[in-house]
Amino acid sequence: MKKLIAIILSAAALVLTVGCAADKNDSSEEDIKGIYVEISQEDAKQMMDNDDSNIIIDVRRQDEYDEGHIPGAVCIPNESIMTEQPEELPDKDQVILVYCRSGRRSKQAAQKLADMGYTNVYEFGGIIDWTGDIVKE
């Protein structure tokens, strides 16, 4: 539990540091991008183990998801995440853990979610590096 609190505090400090780096005199509110946090897969596993209210998002296509995904993950393909809030994510303050195959699409999706106003988005790379359980359909 202490480690989880340390992770969350570290993430918050990072968000505050990055957020403070933007010079509001040089850009309008519209120009400032939302912020997500990149975490290690070990940190993601720990967050999953310690809090079952997190939502795990697999942003690969449905056929990729069906081949194997992290237990409890919800498939929301990156291509379907645009400017409208996904119905699977009604709470913009909920902790959202995002992954894909290699980490490229998860970074894109995490940024889009952060830009939509989601405040607790954590990106942890790709399932190709995942050492935890995988559910196969």
N, C-alpha and C. Protein backbone atom coordinates (compact mmCIF):
# COMPACT_ATOMS: atom_id res chain seq x y z
N MET A 1 0.82 -1.19 0.00
CA MET A 1 0.00 0.00 0.00
C MET A 1 0.87 1.25 0.00
N LYS A 2 1.96 1.23 0.79
CA LYS A 2 2.85 2.39 0.83
C LYS A 2 3.47 2.64 -0.54
N LYS A 3 3.79 1.55 -1.24
CA LYS A 3 4.39 1.68 -2.57
C LYS A 3 3.40 2.29 -3.55
N LEU A 4 2.11 1.88 -3.46
CA LEU A 4 1.08 2.44 -4.32
C LEU A 4 0.91 3.94 -4.06
N ILE A 5 0.92 4.32 -2.82
CA ILE A 5 0.80 5.73 -2.47
C ILE A 5 1.99 6.50 -3.02
N ALA A 6 3.19 5.92 -2.91
CA ALA A 6 4.39 6.57 -3.45
C ALA A 6 4.29 6.73 -4.95
N ILE A 7 3.75 5.72 -5.64
CA ILE A 7 3.59 5.78 -7.09
C ILE A 7 2.62 6.91 -7.46
N ILE A 8 1.51 6.96 -6.76
CA ILE A 8 0.51 7.99 -7.05
C ILE A 8 1.06 9.38 -6.77
N LEU A 9 1.77 9.53 -5.67
CA LEU A 9 2.37 10.83 -5.35
C LEU A 9 3.42 11.22 -6.38
N SER A 10 4.22 10.26 -6.82
CA SER A 10 5.23 10.54 -7.84
C SER A 10 4.57 10.96 -9.14
N ALA A 11 3.50 10.26 -9.51
CA ALA A 11 2.78 10.61 -10.74
C ALA A 11 2.19 12.01 -10.62
N ALA A 12 1.62 12.33 -9.47
CA ALA A 12 1.05 13.66 -9.26
C ALA A 12 2.12 14.74 -9.35
N ALA A 13 3.28 14.47 -8.78
CA ALA A 13 4.38 15.44 -8.84
C ALA A 13 4.82 15.65 -10.28
N LEU A 14 4.87 14.56 -11.06
CA LEU A 14 5.25 14.66 -12.47
C LEU A 14 4.23 15.50 -13.22
N VAL A 15 2.95 15.25 -12.98
CA VAL A 15 1.90 16.01 -13.65
C VAL A 15 2.01 17.49 -13.30
N LEU A 16 2.23 17.78 -12.02
CA LEU A 16 2.36 19.18 -11.61
C LEU A 16 3.59 19.83 -12.23
N THR A 17 4.69 19.10 -12.29
CA THR A 17 5.92 19.64 -12.87
C THR A 17 5.73 19.93 -14.34
N VAL A 18 5.17 18.98 -15.07
CA VAL A 18 4.96 19.18 -16.51
C VAL A 18 3.93 20.28 -16.73
N GLY A 19 2.87 20.28 -15.93
CA GLY A 19 1.83 21.29 -16.07
C GLY A 19 2.35 22.69 -15.81
N CYS A 20 3.26 22.83 -14.87
CA CYS A 20 3.82 24.14 -14.55
C CYS A 20 4.80 24.61 -15.60
N ALA A 21 5.30 23.70 -16.43
CA ALA A 21 6.29 24.06 -17.43
C ALA A 21 5.69 24.87 -18.57
N ALA A 22 4.38 24.75 -18.79
CA ALA A 22 3.75 25.49 -19.88
C ALA A 22 3.63 26.96 -19.49
N ASP A 23 4.07 27.84 -20.36
CA ASP A 23 3.98 29.27 -20.13
C ASP A 23 2.64 29.76 -20.66
N LYS A 24 1.73 30.10 -19.76
CA LYS A 24 0.39 30.48 -20.15
C LYS A 24 0.38 31.79 -20.94
N ASN A 25 1.44 32.58 -20.87
CA ASN A 25 1.51 33.79 -21.66
C ASN A 25 1.78 33.50 -23.12
N ASP A 26 2.35 32.34 -23.43
CA ASP A 26 2.70 32.00 -24.79
C ASP A 26 1.63 31.17 -25.50
N SER A 27 0.64 30.67 -24.80
CA SER A 27 -0.37 29.84 -25.44
C SER A 27 -1.72 30.03 -24.76
N SER A 28 -2.75 29.81 -25.54
CA SER A 28 -4.10 29.90 -24.98
C SER A 28 -4.44 28.58 -24.30
N GLU A 29 -5.52 28.57 -23.55
CA GLU A 29 -5.98 27.35 -22.88
C GLU A 29 -6.20 26.24 -23.90
N GLU A 30 -6.67 26.58 -25.10
CA GLU A 30 -6.94 25.59 -26.14
C GLU A 30 -5.67 24.92 -26.63
N ASP A 31 -4.54 25.59 -26.55
CA ASP A 31 -3.28 25.05 -27.05
C ASP A 31 -2.62 24.08 -26.07
N ILE A 32 -3.00 24.13 -24.81
CA ILE A 32 -2.37 23.28 -23.80
C ILE A 32 -2.98 21.89 -23.89
N LYS A 33 -2.14 20.90 -24.13
CA LYS A 33 -2.58 19.52 -24.26
C LYS A 33 -2.81 18.90 -22.89
N GLY A 34 -3.72 17.93 -22.84
CA GLY A 34 -3.94 17.16 -21.63
C GLY A 34 -2.70 16.34 -21.32
N ILE A 35 -2.59 15.90 -20.10
CA ILE A 35 -1.41 15.16 -19.67
C ILE A 35 -1.79 13.78 -19.19
N TYR A 36 -1.05 12.78 -19.66
CA TYR A 36 -1.17 11.43 -19.14
C TYR A 36 0.19 11.04 -18.59
N VAL A 37 0.23 9.95 -17.82
CA VAL A 37 1.47 9.54 -17.18
C VAL A 37 1.90 8.18 -17.72
N GLU A 38 3.14 8.09 -18.15
CA GLU A 38 3.70 6.80 -18.56
C GLU A 38 4.25 6.11 -17.33
N ILE A 39 3.83 4.85 -17.13
CA ILE A 39 4.31 4.07 -15.99
C ILE A 39 4.86 2.74 -16.48
N SER A 40 5.62 2.08 -15.63
CA SER A 40 6.16 0.77 -15.98
C SER A 40 5.05 -0.28 -15.86
N GLN A 41 5.28 -1.42 -16.48
CA GLN A 41 4.31 -2.51 -16.38
C GLN A 41 4.24 -3.02 -14.94
N GLU A 42 5.35 -2.99 -14.23
CA GLU A 42 5.34 -3.40 -12.83
C GLU A 42 4.45 -2.49 -12.01
N ASP A 43 4.53 -1.18 -12.26
CA ASP A 43 3.67 -0.23 -11.55
C ASP A 43 2.20 -0.46 -11.92
N ALA A 44 1.95 -0.74 -13.20
CA ALA A 44 0.58 -1.01 -13.63
C ALA A 44 0.04 -2.26 -12.93
N LYS A 45 0.85 -3.32 -12.87
CA LYS A 45 0.42 -4.54 -12.18
C LYS A 45 0.07 -4.25 -10.73
N GLN A 46 0.91 -3.46 -10.09
CA GLN A 46 0.68 -3.13 -8.69
C GLN A 46 -0.61 -2.33 -8.52
N MET A 47 -0.87 -1.39 -9.43
CA MET A 47 -2.10 -0.62 -9.36
C MET A 47 -3.31 -1.53 -9.57
N MET A 48 -3.20 -2.49 -10.50
CA MET A 48 -4.29 -3.44 -10.74
C MET A 48 -4.55 -4.31 -9.52
N ASP A 49 -3.48 -4.77 -8.89
CA ASP A 49 -3.60 -5.65 -7.73
C ASP A 49 -4.16 -4.93 -6.50
N ASN A 50 -3.84 -3.65 -6.35
CA ASN A 50 -4.20 -2.92 -5.14
C ASN A 50 -5.52 -2.17 -5.21
N ASP A 51 -6.09 -2.02 -6.40
CA ASP A 51 -7.32 -1.25 -6.53
C ASP A 51 -8.14 -1.78 -7.69
N ASP A 52 -9.24 -2.45 -7.38
CA ASP A 52 -10.04 -3.04 -8.45
C ASP A 52 -11.03 -2.05 -9.08
N SER A 53 -10.96 -0.78 -8.70
CA SER A 53 -11.82 0.21 -9.34
C SER A 53 -11.16 0.83 -10.57
N ASN A 54 -9.90 0.50 -10.82
CA ASN A 54 -9.22 0.97 -12.03
C ASN A 54 -9.90 0.34 -13.24
N ILE A 55 -9.86 1.03 -14.36
CA ILE A 55 -10.34 0.41 -15.59
C ILE A 55 -9.13 0.23 -16.50
N ILE A 56 -9.00 -0.98 -17.04
CA ILE A 56 -7.88 -1.32 -17.92
C ILE A 56 -8.42 -1.27 -19.35
N ILE A 57 -7.77 -0.47 -20.19
CA ILE A 57 -8.21 -0.30 -21.56
C ILE A 57 -7.18 -0.89 -22.52
N ASP A 58 -7.65 -1.81 -23.35
CA ASP A 58 -6.85 -2.38 -24.43
C ASP A 58 -7.28 -1.63 -25.69
N VAL A 59 -6.37 -0.89 -26.30
CA VAL A 59 -6.74 -0.04 -27.44
C VAL A 59 -6.40 -0.68 -28.79
N ARG A 60 -6.18 -2.00 -28.78
CA ARG A 60 -5.97 -2.71 -30.04
C ARG A 60 -7.33 -2.99 -30.70
N ARG A 61 -7.30 -3.49 -31.91
CA ARG A 61 -8.53 -3.89 -32.59
C ARG A 61 -9.16 -5.09 -31.87
N GLN A 62 -10.45 -5.30 -32.11
CA GLN A 62 -11.18 -6.39 -31.46
C GLN A 62 -10.54 -7.75 -31.76
N ASP A 63 -10.09 -7.98 -32.99
CA ASP A 63 -9.50 -9.28 -33.33
C ASP A 63 -8.19 -9.51 -32.56
N GLU A 64 -7.42 -8.46 -32.34
CA GLU A 64 -6.19 -8.57 -31.55
C GLU A 64 -6.53 -8.85 -30.08
N TYR A 65 -7.51 -8.15 -29.58
CA TYR A 65 -7.97 -8.33 -28.20
C TYR A 65 -8.41 -9.77 -27.98
N ASP A 66 -9.17 -10.31 -28.94
CA ASP A 66 -9.69 -11.68 -28.83
C ASP A 66 -8.57 -12.72 -28.81
N GLU A 67 -7.43 -12.42 -29.40
CA GLU A 67 -6.29 -13.35 -29.42
C GLU A 67 -5.64 -13.47 -28.04
N GLY A 68 -5.83 -12.48 -27.20
CA GLY A 68 -5.28 -12.50 -25.85
C GLY A 68 -5.21 -11.09 -25.28
N HIS A 69 -5.70 -10.95 -24.04
CA HIS A 69 -5.69 -9.63 -23.40
C HIS A 69 -5.50 -9.80 -21.90
N ILE A 70 -5.19 -8.71 -21.25
CA ILE A 70 -5.01 -8.70 -19.80
C ILE A 70 -6.38 -8.92 -19.14
N PRO A 71 -6.45 -9.77 -18.13
CA PRO A 71 -7.74 -10.03 -17.46
C PRO A 71 -8.41 -8.74 -16.99
N GLY A 72 -9.69 -8.64 -17.30
CA GLY A 72 -10.46 -7.47 -16.88
C GLY A 72 -10.39 -6.29 -17.83
N ALA A 73 -9.55 -6.38 -18.87
CA ALA A 73 -9.40 -5.27 -19.81
C ALA A 73 -10.64 -5.13 -20.68
N VAL A 74 -10.94 -3.88 -21.03
CA VAL A 74 -12.04 -3.55 -21.93
C VAL A 74 -11.43 -3.11 -23.25
N CYS A 75 -11.98 -3.61 -24.34
CA CYS A 75 -11.46 -3.24 -25.67
C CYS A 75 -12.14 -1.96 -26.15
N ILE A 76 -11.33 -0.93 -26.31
CA ILE A 76 -11.77 0.32 -26.93
C ILE A 76 -10.68 0.66 -27.96
N PRO A 77 -10.86 0.25 -29.21
CA PRO A 77 -9.81 0.48 -30.21
C PRO A 77 -9.40 1.94 -30.33
N ASN A 78 -8.11 2.17 -30.47
CA ASN A 78 -7.57 3.52 -30.60
C ASN A 78 -8.29 4.29 -31.71
N GLU A 79 -8.58 3.61 -32.80
CA GLU A 79 -9.22 4.26 -33.94
C GLU A 79 -10.62 4.77 -33.60
N SER A 80 -11.25 4.20 -32.58
CA SER A 80 -12.60 4.64 -32.21
C SER A 80 -12.58 5.80 -31.21
N ILE A 81 -11.42 6.09 -30.65
CA ILE A 81 -11.31 7.19 -29.69
C ILE A 81 -11.05 8.47 -30.47
N MET A 82 -12.04 9.32 -30.50
CA MET A 82 -11.91 10.57 -31.27
C MET A 82 -12.06 11.75 -30.31
N THR A 83 -13.12 12.51 -30.48
CA THR A 83 -13.35 13.68 -29.63
C THR A 83 -14.51 13.48 -28.66
N GLU A 84 -15.31 12.44 -28.89
CA GLU A 84 -16.45 12.15 -28.02
C GLU A 84 -16.02 11.20 -26.91
N GLN A 85 -16.52 11.43 -25.73
CA GLN A 85 -16.23 10.59 -24.57
C GLN A 85 -16.74 9.17 -24.81
N PRO A 86 -15.87 8.15 -24.72
CA PRO A 86 -16.33 6.77 -24.90
C PRO A 86 -17.35 6.39 -23.83
N GLU A 87 -18.42 5.71 -24.22
CA GLU A 87 -19.46 5.35 -23.26
C GLU A 87 -18.94 4.41 -22.18
N GLU A 88 -17.87 3.66 -22.46
CA GLU A 88 -17.29 2.76 -21.47
C GLU A 88 -16.53 3.52 -20.38
N LEU A 89 -16.30 4.81 -20.59
CA LEU A 89 -15.52 5.64 -19.65
C LEU A 89 -16.33 6.85 -19.19
N PRO A 90 -17.38 6.61 -18.38
CA PRO A 90 -18.24 7.72 -17.98
C PRO A 90 -17.61 8.68 -16.96
N ASP A 91 -16.65 8.21 -16.18
CA ASP A 91 -16.07 9.02 -15.10
C ASP A 91 -14.70 9.54 -15.53
N LYS A 92 -14.60 10.82 -15.77
CA LYS A 92 -13.34 11.41 -16.25
C LYS A 92 -12.26 11.46 -15.17
N ASP A 93 -12.62 11.17 -13.91
CA ASP A 93 -11.63 11.17 -12.84
C ASP A 93 -11.20 9.76 -12.43
N GLN A 94 -11.77 8.75 -13.05
CA GLN A 94 -11.42 7.36 -12.74
C GLN A 94 -10.00 7.05 -13.23
N VAL A 95 -9.30 6.19 -12.52
CA VAL A 95 -7.97 5.76 -12.95
C VAL A 95 -8.14 4.84 -14.16
N ILE A 96 -7.47 5.22 -15.26
CA ILE A 96 -7.54 4.46 -16.50
C ILE A 96 -6.13 4.01 -16.86
N LEU A 97 -5.96 2.69 -17.00
CA LEU A 97 -4.69 2.09 -17.38
C LEU A 97 -4.79 1.67 -18.84
N VAL A 98 -3.89 2.17 -19.69
CA VAL A 98 -4.00 1.97 -21.14
C VAL A 98 -2.81 1.18 -21.67
N TYR A 99 -3.11 0.18 -22.52
CA TYR A 99 -2.05 -0.57 -23.19
C TYR A 99 -2.50 -0.96 -24.60
N CYS A 100 -1.55 -1.39 -25.41
CA CYS A 100 -1.83 -1.90 -26.75
C CYS A 100 -0.91 -3.09 -27.01
N ARG A 101 -0.40 -3.23 -28.22
CA ARG A 101 0.51 -4.33 -28.52
C ARG A 101 1.95 -3.95 -28.17
N SER A 102 2.40 -2.81 -28.69
CA SER A 102 3.80 -2.42 -28.49
C SER A 102 3.99 -1.15 -27.67
N GLY A 103 2.96 -0.35 -27.56
CA GLY A 103 3.06 0.91 -26.82
C GLY A 103 2.79 2.13 -27.68
N ARG A 104 2.79 1.99 -28.99
CA ARG A 104 2.57 3.13 -29.87
C ARG A 104 1.12 3.62 -29.81
N ARG A 105 0.18 2.72 -30.01
CA ARG A 105 -1.23 3.12 -29.99
C ARG A 105 -1.70 3.52 -28.60
N SER A 106 -1.11 2.90 -27.57
CA SER A 106 -1.53 3.26 -26.21
C SER A 106 -1.13 4.70 -25.88
N LYS A 107 0.01 5.14 -26.38
CA LYS A 107 0.42 6.53 -26.17
C LYS A 107 -0.54 7.48 -26.89
N GLN A 108 -0.91 7.13 -28.12
CA GLN A 108 -1.86 7.96 -28.88
C GLN A 108 -3.20 8.03 -28.15
N ALA A 109 -3.70 6.87 -27.75
CA ALA A 109 -5.01 6.82 -27.08
C ALA A 109 -4.97 7.57 -25.75
N ALA A 110 -3.90 7.38 -24.98
CA ALA A 110 -3.78 8.06 -23.68
C ALA A 110 -3.79 9.58 -23.88
N GLN A 111 -3.10 10.05 -24.91
CA GLN A 111 -3.09 11.49 -25.18
C GLN A 111 -4.48 11.98 -25.56
N LYS A 112 -5.18 11.23 -26.40
CA LYS A 112 -6.53 11.63 -26.80
C LYS A 112 -7.46 11.69 -25.60
N LEU A 113 -7.36 10.71 -24.71
CA LEU A 113 -8.19 10.70 -23.50
C LEU A 113 -7.86 11.89 -22.60
N ALA A 114 -6.58 12.15 -22.42
CA ALA A 114 -6.17 13.30 -21.61
C ALA A 114 -6.67 14.61 -22.22
N ASP A 115 -6.60 14.70 -23.54
CA ASP A 115 -7.08 15.91 -24.22
C ASP A 115 -8.59 16.09 -24.06
N MET A 116 -9.32 14.98 -23.87
CA MET A 116 -10.77 15.04 -23.65
C MET A 116 -11.12 15.42 -22.22
N GLY A 117 -10.11 15.49 -21.35
CA GLY A 117 -10.36 15.90 -19.97
C GLY A 117 -10.27 14.79 -18.95
N TYR A 118 -9.86 13.59 -19.35
CA TYR A 118 -9.65 12.52 -18.37
C TYR A 118 -8.42 12.88 -17.55
N THR A 119 -8.52 12.76 -16.24
CA THR A 119 -7.49 13.30 -15.36
C THR A 119 -6.52 12.27 -14.78
N ASN A 120 -6.85 10.98 -14.88
CA ASN A 120 -6.01 9.93 -14.28
C ASN A 120 -5.69 8.84 -15.30
N VAL A 121 -5.03 9.23 -16.38
CA VAL A 121 -4.71 8.29 -17.45
C VAL A 121 -3.26 7.86 -17.30
N TYR A 122 -3.06 6.53 -17.23
CA TYR A 122 -1.73 5.94 -17.09
C TYR A 122 -1.49 4.99 -18.25
N GLU A 123 -0.43 5.24 -19.00
CA GLU A 123 -0.08 4.42 -20.16
C GLU A 123 1.07 3.51 -19.76
N PHE A 124 0.94 2.19 -20.05
CA PHE A 124 2.00 1.28 -19.63
C PHE A 124 2.53 0.37 -20.73
N GLY A 125 2.44 0.81 -21.97
CA GLY A 125 3.11 0.09 -23.05
C GLY A 125 2.30 -0.99 -23.70
N GLY A 126 3.02 -2.07 -24.08
CA GLY A 126 2.41 -3.10 -24.88
C GLY A 126 2.34 -4.47 -24.23
N ILE A 127 1.36 -5.23 -24.69
CA ILE A 127 1.15 -6.58 -24.17
C ILE A 127 2.29 -7.51 -24.57
N ILE A 128 3.06 -7.15 -25.59
CA ILE A 128 4.18 -8.02 -26.00
C ILE A 128 5.23 -8.14 -24.90
N ASP A 129 5.25 -7.17 -23.98
CA ASP A 129 6.20 -7.20 -22.87
C ASP A 129 5.55 -7.64 -21.55
N TRP A 130 4.26 -7.92 -21.57
CA TRP A 130 3.50 -8.22 -20.37
C TRP A 130 3.90 -9.61 -19.82
N THR A 131 4.24 -9.68 -18.55
CA THR A 131 4.64 -10.96 -17.93
C THR A 131 3.52 -11.53 -17.05
N GLY A 132 2.44 -10.79 -16.93
CA GLY A 132 1.31 -11.26 -16.11
C GLY A 132 0.39 -12.18 -16.91
N ASP A 133 -0.75 -12.46 -16.32
CA ASP A 133 -1.73 -13.34 -16.96
C ASP A 133 -2.30 -12.72 -18.23
N ILE A 134 -2.66 -13.58 -19.17
CA ILE A 134 -3.32 -13.18 -20.41
C ILE A 134 -4.51 -14.11 -20.61
N VAL A 135 -5.66 -13.51 -20.92
CA VAL A 135 -6.88 -14.26 -21.19
C VAL A 135 -6.98 -14.45 -22.69
N LYS A 136 -7.21 -15.68 -23.12
CA LYS A 136 -7.40 -15.95 -24.54
C LYS A 136 -8.84 -16.37 -24.76
N GLU A 137 -9.48 -15.74 -25.75
CA GLU A 137 -10.90 -16.02 -26.05
C GLU A 137 -11.02 -17.32 -26.81
